[in-house]
N, C-alpha and C. Protein backbone atom coordinates (compact mmCIF):
# COMPACT_ATOMS: atom_id res chain seq x y z
N MET A 1 -21.77 6.64 32.45
CA MET A 1 -20.45 6.48 31.72
C MET A 1 -19.31 6.49 32.63
N ASN A 2 -18.29 5.44 32.58
CA ASN A 2 -17.28 5.45 33.32
C ASN A 2 -16.21 6.50 33.14
N ALA A 3 -15.24 6.48 33.93
CA ALA A 3 -14.03 7.61 34.07
C ALA A 3 -13.49 7.68 32.86
N THR A 4 -13.22 6.48 32.01
CA THR A 4 -12.48 6.62 30.65
C THR A 4 -13.06 7.34 29.81
N ALA A 5 -14.51 7.12 29.66
CA ALA A 5 -15.41 7.90 28.73
C ALA A 5 -15.41 9.37 28.91
N LYS A 6 -15.48 9.67 30.51
CA LYS A 6 -15.63 10.95 31.04
C LYS A 6 -14.44 11.80 30.61
N ARG A 7 -13.28 11.20 30.74
CA ARG A 7 -12.06 12.03 30.39
C ARG A 7 -11.98 12.37 29.09
N ALA A 8 -12.74 11.78 28.09
CA ALA A 8 -12.60 12.08 26.56
C ALA A 8 -13.86 13.01 26.21
N VAL A 9 -14.90 13.49 27.05
CA VAL A 9 -15.97 14.14 26.76
C VAL A 9 -15.68 15.56 27.11
N THR A 10 -16.22 16.45 26.11
CA THR A 10 -16.22 17.90 26.31
C THR A 10 -17.54 18.40 26.10
N SER A 11 -17.84 19.49 26.56
CA SER A 11 -19.17 20.25 26.62
C SER A 11 -19.12 21.21 25.35
N ARG A 12 -17.72 21.61 24.88
CA ARG A 12 -17.67 22.47 24.05
C ARG A 12 -17.32 22.19 22.60
N ARG A 13 -18.12 22.32 21.72
CA ARG A 13 -18.05 21.88 20.40
C ARG A 13 -17.11 20.67 20.03
N PRO A 14 -17.61 19.62 20.53
CA PRO A 14 -16.92 18.22 20.29
C PRO A 14 -16.63 17.99 18.73
N CYS A 15 -15.74 17.09 18.57
CA CYS A 15 -15.60 16.81 17.18
C CYS A 15 -16.14 15.48 16.73
N ALA A 16 -16.36 14.63 17.65
CA ALA A 16 -17.17 13.32 17.40
C ALA A 16 -18.21 13.37 18.58
N LEU A 17 -19.53 12.92 18.17
CA LEU A 17 -20.50 12.69 19.02
C LEU A 17 -20.96 11.29 18.94
N LEU A 18 -20.78 10.68 20.06
CA LEU A 18 -21.27 9.28 20.11
C LEU A 18 -22.47 8.93 20.71
N ALA A 19 -23.42 8.38 19.87
CA ALA A 19 -24.97 8.06 20.27
C ALA A 19 -25.03 6.39 20.58
N THR A 20 -25.07 5.96 21.69
CA THR A 20 -25.26 4.46 21.92
C THR A 20 -25.62 4.30 23.16
N PRO A 21 -26.47 3.39 23.56
CA PRO A 21 -26.99 3.15 24.82
C PRO A 21 -26.04 2.17 25.71
N ASP A 22 -24.95 1.70 24.91
CA ASP A 22 -24.02 0.76 25.47
C ASP A 22 -22.85 1.57 26.28
N SER A 23 -22.72 1.88 27.37
CA SER A 23 -21.76 2.60 27.93
C SER A 23 -20.32 1.96 27.81
N GLU A 24 -20.27 0.70 27.78
CA GLU A 24 -19.08 -0.04 27.59
C GLU A 24 -18.49 0.37 25.99
N LEU A 25 -19.28 0.32 25.12
CA LEU A 25 -18.89 0.70 23.75
C LEU A 25 -18.51 2.02 23.66
N ALA A 26 -19.27 2.92 24.25
CA ALA A 26 -18.74 4.43 24.21
C ALA A 26 -17.57 4.59 24.96
N ALA A 27 -17.30 3.85 25.95
CA ALA A 27 -16.03 4.07 26.60
C ALA A 27 -14.83 3.56 25.82
N LYS A 28 -15.01 2.63 25.08
CA LYS A 28 -14.01 1.89 24.22
C LYS A 28 -13.63 3.00 23.03
N LEU A 29 -14.91 3.49 22.39
CA LEU A 29 -14.63 4.43 21.33
C LEU A 29 -13.97 5.74 21.94
N ALA A 30 -14.43 6.13 23.17
CA ALA A 30 -13.88 7.31 23.61
C ALA A 30 -12.39 7.28 23.86
N SER A 31 -11.92 6.01 24.27
CA SER A 31 -10.56 5.82 24.61
C SER A 31 -9.77 5.98 23.34
N GLU A 32 -10.37 5.80 22.16
CA GLU A 32 -9.68 6.03 20.99
C GLU A 32 -9.20 7.53 20.72
N ALA A 33 -9.99 8.43 21.43
CA ALA A 33 -9.82 9.86 21.28
C ALA A 33 -8.31 10.38 21.62
N GLU A 34 -7.71 9.44 22.42
CA GLU A 34 -6.34 9.84 22.83
C GLU A 34 -5.58 9.63 21.63
N HIS A 35 -5.92 8.91 20.54
CA HIS A 35 -4.93 8.73 19.36
C HIS A 35 -5.35 9.67 18.21
N TRP A 36 -6.58 10.32 18.51
CA TRP A 36 -7.16 11.11 17.38
C TRP A 36 -6.43 12.71 17.46
N GLY A 37 -5.68 12.87 18.44
CA GLY A 37 -5.08 14.25 18.52
C GLY A 37 -5.84 15.06 19.57
N ARG A 38 -5.31 16.31 20.05
CA ARG A 38 -5.82 17.18 20.99
C ARG A 38 -7.06 17.88 20.54
N LEU A 39 -7.40 18.10 19.20
CA LEU A 39 -8.55 18.79 18.80
C LEU A 39 -9.83 17.76 18.69
N HIS A 40 -9.61 16.30 18.78
CA HIS A 40 -10.75 15.42 18.46
C HIS A 40 -11.34 15.13 19.81
N ALA A 41 -11.99 16.03 20.40
CA ALA A 41 -12.88 15.87 21.63
C ALA A 41 -13.98 14.78 21.28
N VAL A 42 -14.53 14.18 22.33
CA VAL A 42 -15.67 13.42 22.14
C VAL A 42 -16.74 13.56 22.99
N SER A 43 -18.03 13.58 22.74
CA SER A 43 -19.12 13.70 23.59
C SER A 43 -19.93 12.48 23.36
N ALA A 44 -20.64 12.11 24.42
CA ALA A 44 -21.43 10.82 24.19
C ALA A 44 -23.00 11.11 24.91
N VAL A 45 -23.82 10.40 24.28
CA VAL A 45 -25.35 10.47 24.64
C VAL A 45 -25.79 9.18 24.58
N SER A 46 -26.80 8.86 25.52
CA SER A 46 -27.35 7.61 25.57
C SER A 46 -28.85 7.37 25.28
N GLY A 47 -29.38 8.43 24.87
CA GLY A 47 -30.94 8.35 24.43
C GLY A 47 -31.16 9.38 23.19
N LEU A 48 -32.19 9.17 22.49
CA LEU A 48 -32.38 10.00 21.37
C LEU A 48 -32.87 11.57 21.71
N ALA A 49 -33.70 11.68 22.78
CA ALA A 49 -34.00 13.04 23.33
C ALA A 49 -32.70 13.77 23.71
N GLN A 50 -31.76 13.07 24.27
CA GLN A 50 -30.47 13.66 24.74
C GLN A 50 -29.67 14.03 23.72
N LEU A 51 -29.62 13.21 22.56
CA LEU A 51 -29.00 13.57 21.39
C LEU A 51 -29.48 14.85 20.82
N ARG A 52 -30.75 14.90 20.59
CA ARG A 52 -31.52 15.98 19.99
C ARG A 52 -31.11 17.32 20.61
N GLU A 53 -31.19 17.20 22.06
CA GLU A 53 -30.80 18.41 22.78
C GLU A 53 -29.37 18.84 22.81
N ARG A 54 -28.46 17.80 22.68
CA ARG A 54 -27.20 18.12 22.49
C ARG A 54 -26.79 18.80 21.03
N LEU A 55 -27.39 18.31 20.09
CA LEU A 55 -27.19 18.95 18.78
C LEU A 55 -27.62 20.43 18.81
N ARG A 56 -28.43 21.09 19.72
CA ARG A 56 -28.80 22.44 19.71
C ARG A 56 -27.82 23.22 20.28
N HIS A 57 -26.79 22.73 20.77
CA HIS A 57 -25.69 23.29 21.45
C HIS A 57 -24.44 23.06 20.73
N ILE A 58 -24.15 22.13 20.00
CA ILE A 58 -23.05 21.78 19.59
C ILE A 58 -23.08 21.36 18.07
N THR A 59 -21.93 21.33 17.41
CA THR A 59 -21.84 21.10 15.84
C THR A 59 -20.71 19.98 15.64
N PRO A 60 -21.01 18.71 15.92
CA PRO A 60 -19.96 17.89 15.69
C PRO A 60 -19.42 17.71 14.18
N ARG A 61 -18.17 17.24 14.04
CA ARG A 61 -17.68 16.96 12.63
C ARG A 61 -18.16 15.53 12.26
N VAL A 62 -18.54 14.63 13.02
CA VAL A 62 -19.05 13.44 12.77
C VAL A 62 -19.69 12.73 13.83
N ILE A 63 -20.71 12.03 13.58
CA ILE A 63 -21.74 11.26 14.75
C ILE A 63 -21.72 9.94 14.51
N PHE A 64 -21.39 9.27 15.60
CA PHE A 64 -21.36 7.64 15.50
C PHE A 64 -22.68 7.39 16.07
N LEU A 65 -23.45 6.49 15.40
CA LEU A 65 -24.76 6.12 15.65
C LEU A 65 -24.95 4.54 15.84
N ASP A 66 -25.39 4.13 17.07
CA ASP A 66 -25.67 2.73 17.17
C ASP A 66 -26.86 2.38 16.88
N ASP A 67 -27.35 1.55 16.01
CA ASP A 67 -28.73 1.47 15.59
C ASP A 67 -29.77 0.96 16.88
N ALA A 68 -28.94 0.37 17.81
CA ALA A 68 -29.68 0.01 19.29
C ALA A 68 -30.27 1.32 19.81
N PHE A 69 -29.60 2.27 19.66
CA PHE A 69 -29.86 3.65 20.22
C PHE A 69 -31.19 4.18 19.76
N LEU A 70 -31.71 3.70 18.32
CA LEU A 70 -32.80 4.31 17.67
C LEU A 70 -34.19 3.72 18.34
N ASP A 71 -34.01 2.66 18.97
CA ASP A 71 -35.23 1.86 19.52
C ASP A 71 -36.28 1.74 18.38
N GLU A 72 -37.58 2.56 18.57
CA GLU A 72 -38.63 2.31 17.47
C GLU A 72 -38.51 3.55 16.44
N ALA A 73 -37.57 4.34 16.64
CA ALA A 73 -37.44 5.52 15.68
C ALA A 73 -37.09 4.88 14.23
N PRO A 74 -37.62 5.55 13.08
CA PRO A 74 -37.43 5.05 11.83
C PRO A 74 -35.82 5.41 11.29
N VAL A 75 -35.38 4.51 10.94
CA VAL A 75 -33.80 4.49 10.67
C VAL A 75 -33.64 5.57 9.61
N ILE A 76 -33.97 5.44 8.38
CA ILE A 76 -33.85 6.37 7.35
C ILE A 76 -34.21 7.95 7.80
N GLU A 77 -35.30 8.09 8.21
CA GLU A 77 -35.60 9.53 8.54
C GLU A 77 -34.72 10.00 9.51
N THR A 78 -34.54 9.23 10.67
CA THR A 78 -33.36 9.74 11.61
C THR A 78 -32.13 10.02 11.06
N LEU A 79 -31.52 9.13 10.19
CA LEU A 79 -30.29 9.31 9.43
C LEU A 79 -30.34 10.73 8.66
N ARG A 80 -31.41 10.91 7.82
CA ARG A 80 -31.42 12.13 7.14
C ARG A 80 -31.44 13.34 7.93
N GLN A 81 -32.10 13.15 9.14
CA GLN A 81 -31.95 14.35 10.11
C GLN A 81 -30.66 14.50 10.57
N LEU A 82 -29.99 13.69 10.96
CA LEU A 82 -28.81 13.67 11.65
C LEU A 82 -27.72 14.19 10.53
N THR A 83 -27.74 13.68 9.37
CA THR A 83 -26.85 14.00 8.26
C THR A 83 -26.79 15.53 7.92
N GLU A 84 -27.94 16.15 8.20
CA GLU A 84 -28.12 17.73 8.01
C GLU A 84 -27.00 18.49 8.84
N THR A 85 -26.64 17.62 9.87
CA THR A 85 -25.64 18.33 10.82
C THR A 85 -24.24 17.95 10.66
N ALA A 86 -24.02 16.60 10.51
CA ALA A 86 -22.83 15.89 10.24
C ALA A 86 -22.83 14.48 9.70
N PRO A 87 -21.79 14.16 8.87
CA PRO A 87 -21.66 12.66 8.57
C PRO A 87 -22.10 11.83 9.47
N VAL A 88 -22.54 10.74 9.34
CA VAL A 88 -22.76 9.50 10.34
C VAL A 88 -22.24 8.24 10.07
N VAL A 89 -21.71 7.64 11.20
CA VAL A 89 -20.99 6.41 10.95
C VAL A 89 -21.97 5.45 11.91
N LEU A 90 -22.72 4.70 10.97
CA LEU A 90 -23.81 3.88 11.49
C LEU A 90 -23.34 2.23 11.86
N LEU A 91 -23.65 1.95 13.06
CA LEU A 91 -23.26 0.62 13.52
C LEU A 91 -24.47 -0.20 13.47
N THR A 92 -24.59 -1.28 12.74
CA THR A 92 -25.87 -2.05 12.52
C THR A 92 -25.59 -3.37 12.16
N ALA A 93 -26.63 -4.16 12.25
CA ALA A 93 -26.57 -5.67 11.85
C ALA A 93 -26.42 -5.77 10.43
N HIS A 94 -25.69 -6.91 9.93
CA HIS A 94 -25.29 -6.96 8.47
C HIS A 94 -26.67 -6.99 7.54
N GLU A 95 -27.72 -7.62 8.13
CA GLU A 95 -28.79 -7.86 7.37
C GLU A 95 -29.72 -6.79 7.15
N GLN A 96 -29.36 -5.52 8.12
CA GLN A 96 -30.22 -4.31 8.05
C GLN A 96 -29.57 -3.42 7.13
N GLN A 97 -28.27 -3.53 6.78
CA GLN A 97 -27.47 -2.50 6.13
C GLN A 97 -28.09 -1.94 4.65
N THR A 98 -28.94 -2.75 4.15
CA THR A 98 -29.43 -2.30 2.86
C THR A 98 -30.44 -1.06 3.07
N GLN A 99 -31.04 -0.85 4.22
CA GLN A 99 -31.95 0.16 4.35
C GLN A 99 -31.17 1.60 4.18
N ALA A 100 -29.93 1.53 4.47
CA ALA A 100 -29.09 2.78 4.49
C ALA A 100 -28.40 2.91 3.14
N SER A 101 -28.48 2.21 2.19
CA SER A 101 -27.49 2.03 0.91
C SER A 101 -27.63 3.26 0.35
N GLN A 102 -28.82 4.00 0.19
CA GLN A 102 -29.09 5.19 -0.62
C GLN A 102 -28.17 6.35 0.00
N LEU A 103 -28.29 6.41 1.36
CA LEU A 103 -27.44 7.37 2.02
C LEU A 103 -25.98 7.11 2.06
N VAL A 104 -25.58 5.96 1.86
CA VAL A 104 -24.23 5.65 1.72
C VAL A 104 -23.75 6.08 0.31
N ALA A 105 -24.50 5.85 -0.83
CA ALA A 105 -24.18 6.17 -2.01
C ALA A 105 -24.18 7.70 -1.93
N GLU A 106 -24.95 8.49 -1.31
CA GLU A 106 -24.85 9.91 -1.35
C GLU A 106 -23.77 10.39 -0.57
N GLY A 107 -22.88 9.65 0.21
CA GLY A 107 -21.81 9.98 0.93
C GLY A 107 -22.05 10.57 2.28
N ASP A 108 -23.20 10.43 2.74
CA ASP A 108 -23.57 11.02 3.98
C ASP A 108 -23.31 9.96 5.19
N VAL A 109 -23.25 8.61 4.97
CA VAL A 109 -23.25 7.66 5.96
C VAL A 109 -22.28 6.58 5.59
N GLU A 110 -21.64 6.24 6.77
CA GLU A 110 -20.63 5.13 6.59
C GLU A 110 -21.18 3.96 7.38
N LEU A 111 -21.21 2.77 7.12
CA LEU A 111 -21.62 1.60 7.46
C LEU A 111 -20.57 0.64 8.31
N VAL A 112 -21.04 0.25 9.54
CA VAL A 112 -19.98 -0.67 10.26
C VAL A 112 -21.04 -1.97 10.59
N ALA A 113 -20.69 -3.05 10.22
CA ALA A 113 -21.53 -4.25 10.45
C ALA A 113 -21.12 -4.80 12.01
N ARG A 114 -22.02 -5.16 12.87
CA ARG A 114 -21.78 -5.50 14.20
C ARG A 114 -21.30 -6.90 14.28
N VAL A 115 -20.20 -7.14 13.67
CA VAL A 115 -19.46 -8.38 13.59
C VAL A 115 -18.00 -8.29 13.80
N GLY A 116 -17.20 -9.32 14.42
CA GLY A 116 -15.79 -9.09 14.34
C GLY A 116 -15.27 -7.91 15.26
N ASP A 117 -14.32 -7.45 14.94
CA ASP A 117 -13.76 -6.39 15.56
C ASP A 117 -14.18 -5.09 14.97
N PHE A 118 -15.59 -4.81 15.27
CA PHE A 118 -16.20 -3.70 14.69
C PHE A 118 -15.73 -2.35 15.30
N ILE A 119 -15.40 -2.45 16.51
CA ILE A 119 -14.96 -0.99 17.31
C ILE A 119 -13.77 -0.58 16.54
N ALA A 120 -12.77 -1.30 16.22
CA ALA A 120 -11.63 -0.75 15.52
C ALA A 120 -12.14 -0.11 14.04
N VAL A 121 -13.05 -0.80 13.54
CA VAL A 121 -13.50 -0.36 12.13
C VAL A 121 -14.24 0.90 12.39
N ALA A 122 -15.13 0.96 13.42
CA ALA A 122 -15.84 2.25 13.64
C ALA A 122 -14.84 3.35 13.81
N ALA A 123 -13.70 3.18 14.77
CA ALA A 123 -12.78 4.08 15.18
C ALA A 123 -12.18 4.76 14.05
N ALA A 124 -11.74 3.87 13.08
CA ALA A 124 -11.08 4.17 11.81
C ALA A 124 -11.92 4.98 10.91
N LEU A 125 -13.03 4.91 10.76
CA LEU A 125 -14.08 5.51 10.08
C LEU A 125 -14.31 6.98 10.65
N ILE A 126 -14.43 7.06 12.10
CA ILE A 126 -14.66 8.12 12.71
C ILE A 126 -13.33 9.21 12.45
N GLU A 127 -12.23 8.51 12.60
CA GLU A 127 -11.12 9.25 12.48
C GLU A 127 -10.86 9.94 11.02
N ARG A 128 -11.19 9.19 9.98
CA ARG A 128 -11.15 9.39 8.53
C ARG A 128 -12.04 10.55 8.14
N ARG A 129 -13.31 10.55 8.98
CA ARG A 129 -14.23 11.75 8.63
C ARG A 129 -13.67 12.89 9.32
N LEU A 130 -12.95 12.84 10.58
CA LEU A 130 -12.43 13.91 11.30
C LEU A 130 -11.23 14.70 10.37
N ARG A 131 -10.50 13.81 9.85
CA ARG A 131 -9.46 14.27 8.99
C ARG A 131 -9.93 14.98 7.71
N TRP A 132 -10.99 14.31 7.23
CA TRP A 132 -11.61 15.11 6.05
C TRP A 132 -12.15 16.46 6.36
N ALA A 133 -12.76 16.58 7.56
CA ALA A 133 -13.39 17.72 8.07
C ALA A 133 -12.33 18.85 8.32
N GLU A 134 -11.30 18.44 8.89
CA GLU A 134 -10.08 19.27 9.08
C GLU A 134 -9.46 19.88 7.81
N ARG A 135 -9.30 19.00 7.09
CA ARG A 135 -8.76 19.37 5.65
C ARG A 135 -9.74 20.39 4.86
N SER A 136 -10.99 20.20 4.91
CA SER A 136 -11.98 21.08 4.51
C SER A 136 -11.80 22.46 5.09
N GLU A 137 -11.68 22.42 6.36
CA GLU A 137 -11.79 23.62 7.08
C GLU A 137 -10.43 24.43 6.68
N ALA A 138 -9.23 23.79 6.70
CA ALA A 138 -8.04 24.29 6.60
C ALA A 138 -8.05 24.86 5.14
N SER A 139 -8.73 24.23 4.04
CA SER A 139 -8.69 24.87 2.86
C SER A 139 -9.36 26.10 2.66
N LEU A 140 -10.23 26.65 3.68
CA LEU A 140 -10.99 27.80 3.44
C LEU A 140 -10.14 29.09 3.51
N GLY A 141 -9.17 29.03 4.47
CA GLY A 141 -8.24 30.03 4.50
C GLY A 141 -8.74 31.24 5.01
N ALA A 142 -7.79 32.33 4.97
CA ALA A 142 -8.14 33.62 5.77
C ALA A 142 -9.23 34.26 5.40
N PRO A 143 -9.67 34.42 4.00
CA PRO A 143 -10.76 35.26 3.50
C PRO A 143 -11.92 35.05 4.41
N TRP A 144 -12.10 33.87 5.12
CA TRP A 144 -13.37 33.62 6.02
C TRP A 144 -13.43 34.61 7.07
N ALA A 145 -12.40 35.14 7.38
CA ALA A 145 -12.36 35.99 8.49
C ALA A 145 -13.11 37.38 8.17
N GLU A 146 -13.15 37.74 6.78
CA GLU A 146 -13.78 38.81 6.38
C GLU A 146 -15.35 38.67 6.29
N LEU A 147 -15.80 37.54 6.41
CA LEU A 147 -17.29 37.24 6.14
C LEU A 147 -18.13 37.64 7.31
N PRO A 148 -19.40 38.14 7.29
CA PRO A 148 -20.30 38.53 8.34
C PRO A 148 -20.38 37.33 9.50
N GLU A 149 -20.60 37.59 10.61
CA GLU A 149 -20.68 36.62 11.72
C GLU A 149 -21.79 35.55 11.60
N ASP A 150 -22.98 36.08 10.87
CA ASP A 150 -24.07 35.22 10.77
C ASP A 150 -24.10 34.40 9.37
N ILE A 151 -22.80 34.23 8.68
CA ILE A 151 -22.82 33.80 7.37
C ILE A 151 -23.26 32.21 7.30
N ALA A 152 -23.06 31.64 8.40
CA ALA A 152 -23.49 30.14 8.44
C ALA A 152 -25.04 30.22 8.52
N GLU A 153 -25.62 31.00 9.29
CA GLU A 153 -27.26 30.97 9.45
C GLU A 153 -27.69 31.50 7.99
N ILE A 154 -27.21 32.46 7.33
CA ILE A 154 -27.52 32.84 6.07
C ILE A 154 -27.39 31.65 4.93
N PHE A 155 -26.51 30.98 5.14
CA PHE A 155 -26.26 29.79 4.18
C PHE A 155 -27.56 28.83 4.37
N ARG A 156 -27.69 28.66 5.69
CA ARG A 156 -28.76 27.59 5.97
C ARG A 156 -30.19 28.03 5.62
N HIS A 157 -30.36 29.24 5.77
CA HIS A 157 -31.74 29.97 5.54
C HIS A 157 -31.92 30.09 4.13
N GLU A 158 -31.08 30.77 3.45
CA GLU A 158 -31.31 31.32 1.94
C GLU A 158 -30.95 30.20 1.07
N ILE A 159 -30.35 29.04 1.34
CA ILE A 159 -30.11 27.99 0.49
C ILE A 159 -30.77 26.75 0.89
N ASN A 160 -30.61 26.38 2.19
CA ASN A 160 -31.09 25.09 2.63
C ASN A 160 -32.92 25.12 2.57
N ASN A 161 -33.37 26.19 3.05
CA ASN A 161 -34.85 26.20 3.01
C ASN A 161 -35.37 25.95 1.66
N PRO A 162 -35.11 26.74 0.43
CA PRO A 162 -35.69 26.34 -0.72
C PRO A 162 -35.20 25.04 -1.19
N LEU A 163 -33.99 24.62 -0.97
CA LEU A 163 -33.55 23.40 -1.30
C LEU A 163 -34.23 22.19 -0.62
N THR A 164 -34.74 22.37 0.58
CA THR A 164 -35.58 21.53 1.10
C THR A 164 -36.80 21.27 0.28
N GLY A 165 -37.57 22.33 -0.11
CA GLY A 165 -38.68 22.29 -0.99
C GLY A 165 -38.39 21.50 -2.12
N ILE A 166 -37.21 21.75 -2.82
CA ILE A 166 -37.05 21.11 -4.18
C ILE A 166 -36.90 19.69 -3.85
N LEU A 167 -36.19 19.25 -2.86
CA LEU A 167 -35.97 17.91 -2.53
C LEU A 167 -37.08 17.21 -2.22
N GLY A 168 -37.90 17.86 -1.30
CA GLY A 168 -39.19 17.22 -0.84
C GLY A 168 -40.22 16.94 -2.09
N ASN A 169 -40.51 17.95 -2.89
CA ASN A 169 -41.14 17.81 -4.10
C ASN A 169 -40.69 16.69 -5.10
N ALA A 170 -39.41 16.66 -5.22
CA ALA A 170 -38.88 15.68 -6.22
C ALA A 170 -39.05 14.28 -5.54
N GLU A 171 -38.98 14.21 -4.32
CA GLU A 171 -39.07 12.76 -3.63
C GLU A 171 -40.72 12.47 -3.71
N LEU A 172 -41.52 13.34 -3.50
CA LEU A 172 -42.89 13.14 -3.69
C LEU A 172 -43.28 12.45 -4.85
N LEU A 173 -42.64 13.19 -6.16
CA LEU A 173 -43.05 12.69 -7.47
C LEU A 173 -42.49 11.38 -7.64
N LEU A 174 -41.20 11.04 -7.04
CA LEU A 174 -40.55 9.84 -7.23
C LEU A 174 -41.41 8.69 -6.32
N ALA A 175 -42.17 8.99 -5.51
CA ALA A 175 -43.10 8.00 -4.95
C ALA A 175 -44.24 7.62 -5.85
N HIS A 176 -44.23 8.24 -6.96
CA HIS A 176 -45.22 7.78 -7.99
C HIS A 176 -44.53 7.39 -9.26
N ARG A 177 -43.32 6.74 -8.94
CA ARG A 177 -42.46 6.43 -10.10
C ARG A 177 -43.09 5.39 -11.21
N ASP A 178 -44.04 4.57 -10.58
CA ASP A 178 -44.60 3.51 -11.33
C ASP A 178 -45.47 4.13 -12.47
N ARG A 179 -45.83 5.45 -12.41
CA ARG A 179 -46.78 6.22 -13.32
C ARG A 179 -45.89 6.95 -14.07
N LEU A 180 -44.61 6.88 -13.98
CA LEU A 180 -43.69 7.93 -14.83
C LEU A 180 -42.99 7.03 -15.81
N PRO A 181 -42.63 7.80 -16.96
CA PRO A 181 -41.67 7.21 -17.91
C PRO A 181 -40.28 7.13 -17.32
N ALA A 182 -39.51 5.98 -17.61
CA ALA A 182 -38.25 5.91 -17.14
C ALA A 182 -37.36 7.06 -17.09
N VAL A 183 -37.45 7.82 -18.29
CA VAL A 183 -36.49 8.81 -18.49
C VAL A 183 -36.80 9.91 -17.35
N ASP A 184 -38.05 10.29 -17.15
CA ASP A 184 -38.50 11.18 -16.19
C ASP A 184 -38.02 10.86 -14.83
N THR A 185 -38.23 9.60 -14.48
CA THR A 185 -37.82 9.11 -13.26
C THR A 185 -36.30 9.31 -13.02
N HIS A 186 -35.38 8.81 -14.12
CA HIS A 186 -34.25 9.16 -14.02
C HIS A 186 -33.69 10.67 -13.76
N ARG A 187 -34.35 11.49 -14.44
CA ARG A 187 -34.06 12.82 -14.32
C ARG A 187 -34.47 13.41 -12.68
N LEU A 188 -35.69 13.00 -12.35
CA LEU A 188 -36.09 13.14 -10.91
C LEU A 188 -34.88 12.79 -9.90
N GLN A 189 -34.46 11.46 -10.17
CA GLN A 189 -33.46 10.86 -9.20
C GLN A 189 -32.31 11.85 -9.30
N THR A 190 -31.85 12.45 -10.40
CA THR A 190 -30.71 13.31 -10.68
C THR A 190 -30.92 14.41 -9.72
N VAL A 191 -32.18 15.06 -9.91
CA VAL A 191 -32.41 16.26 -8.96
C VAL A 191 -32.24 15.95 -7.52
N VAL A 192 -32.77 14.87 -7.11
CA VAL A 192 -32.75 14.48 -5.75
C VAL A 192 -31.16 14.39 -5.37
N ASP A 193 -30.38 13.63 -6.38
CA ASP A 193 -29.10 13.32 -5.95
C ASP A 193 -28.19 14.56 -5.84
N LEU A 194 -28.43 15.72 -6.76
CA LEU A 194 -27.79 16.89 -6.72
C LEU A 194 -28.26 17.99 -5.62
N ALA A 195 -29.36 17.71 -5.12
CA ALA A 195 -29.97 18.58 -4.10
C ALA A 195 -29.23 18.01 -2.80
N VAL A 196 -29.15 16.75 -2.59
CA VAL A 196 -28.59 16.02 -1.50
C VAL A 196 -27.10 16.58 -1.33
N ARG A 197 -26.39 16.47 -2.50
CA ARG A 197 -25.00 17.01 -2.76
C ARG A 197 -24.80 18.39 -2.21
N LEU A 198 -25.75 19.17 -2.87
CA LEU A 198 -25.64 20.69 -2.47
C LEU A 198 -25.83 21.05 -1.00
N ARG A 199 -26.91 20.24 -0.32
CA ARG A 199 -27.16 20.44 1.09
C ARG A 199 -25.90 19.94 1.78
N GLU A 200 -25.27 19.03 1.46
CA GLU A 200 -24.05 18.54 2.25
C GLU A 200 -22.96 19.58 1.95
N THR A 201 -22.82 20.32 0.90
CA THR A 201 -21.78 21.28 0.76
C THR A 201 -22.09 22.59 1.63
N VAL A 202 -23.49 22.80 1.50
CA VAL A 202 -23.80 23.82 2.63
C VAL A 202 -23.67 23.58 3.92
N ARG A 203 -23.84 22.27 4.45
CA ARG A 203 -23.73 21.84 5.74
C ARG A 203 -22.26 22.04 6.00
N ARG A 204 -21.26 21.41 5.19
CA ARG A 204 -19.87 21.48 5.31
C ARG A 204 -19.27 22.86 5.59
N LEU A 205 -19.78 23.63 4.62
CA LEU A 205 -19.26 25.13 4.69
C LEU A 205 -19.80 25.83 5.98
N SER A 206 -20.93 25.76 6.34
CA SER A 206 -21.68 26.33 7.50
C SER A 206 -20.95 25.90 8.72
N ASN A 207 -20.63 24.63 8.87
CA ASN A 207 -19.93 24.18 10.11
C ASN A 207 -18.68 24.56 10.05
N ALA A 208 -17.92 24.51 8.93
CA ALA A 208 -16.55 25.06 8.82
C ALA A 208 -16.39 26.46 9.45
N TRP A 209 -17.35 27.33 8.78
CA TRP A 209 -17.35 28.79 9.26
C TRP A 209 -17.49 28.98 10.66
N GLU A 210 -18.40 28.02 11.19
CA GLU A 210 -18.69 28.28 12.84
C GLU A 210 -17.52 27.89 13.55
N VAL A 211 -16.58 26.88 13.10
CA VAL A 211 -15.50 26.36 13.81
C VAL A 211 -14.47 27.66 13.74
N GLN A 212 -14.44 28.26 12.42
CA GLN A 212 -13.28 29.20 12.10
C GLN A 212 -13.73 30.46 13.04
N ALA A 213 -15.00 30.88 12.90
CA ALA A 213 -15.39 31.95 13.63
C ALA A 213 -15.09 31.81 15.34
N HIS A 214 -15.27 30.65 15.64
CA HIS A 214 -14.83 30.32 17.11
C HIS A 214 -13.46 30.60 17.47
N ALA A 215 -12.62 29.95 16.35
CA ALA A 215 -11.18 30.10 16.60
C ALA A 215 -10.60 31.60 16.43
N LEU A 216 -11.18 32.22 15.60
CA LEU A 216 -10.78 33.79 15.39
C LEU A 216 -11.13 34.43 16.80
N LYS A 217 -12.37 34.12 17.28
CA LYS A 217 -12.62 34.85 18.66
C LYS A 217 -11.70 34.42 19.77
N SER A 218 -11.31 33.10 19.75
CA SER A 218 -10.47 32.55 20.80
C SER A 218 -9.02 33.05 20.71
N SER A 219 -8.71 33.55 19.48
CA SER A 219 -7.23 33.88 19.34
C SER A 219 -6.94 35.04 19.74
């Protein structure tokens, strides 16, 4: 990565994580961090293994994902895994965007077509997600200071674990939708949609608490 990108990278709880094998693209997006404000630090990774390792140590507010980064990895499965951590801005060829349409409908993914001035579009979507995250965290207020330190882990364990089971079983049943009445298929899809929405809420609250807890310790 060149000097421009390095200046915008932080190893401590970045707001935006850029996943792309294109160092020039990473540098151009990283340079936009100067316009995102002092809290909007950027971290960049160039390989899937590096991305997974980085996510063990940081909790970004948004992930920019270049589909060229995925190589042979399944797009939808990888997106679902990443959106458990943060919303994803996906850069992809126009003809491949239908693969992620369900995740876009669920609100977890933003799509950017690799045509025209896509860097400006991607930067704007990243900035929008960062603003949403900041507003969400700001709305939590002082009462969060009274919660136990491990509340984020409690959320993830006590809610997400059974929720994963609900979601998985509903999706397994939907895999046999051709054998089910239309009304049952619709109800199962509603279960899936609500489970995904609840998972996103838990993710957002857990991440917000971790940021808030870190701020309290630093103050």
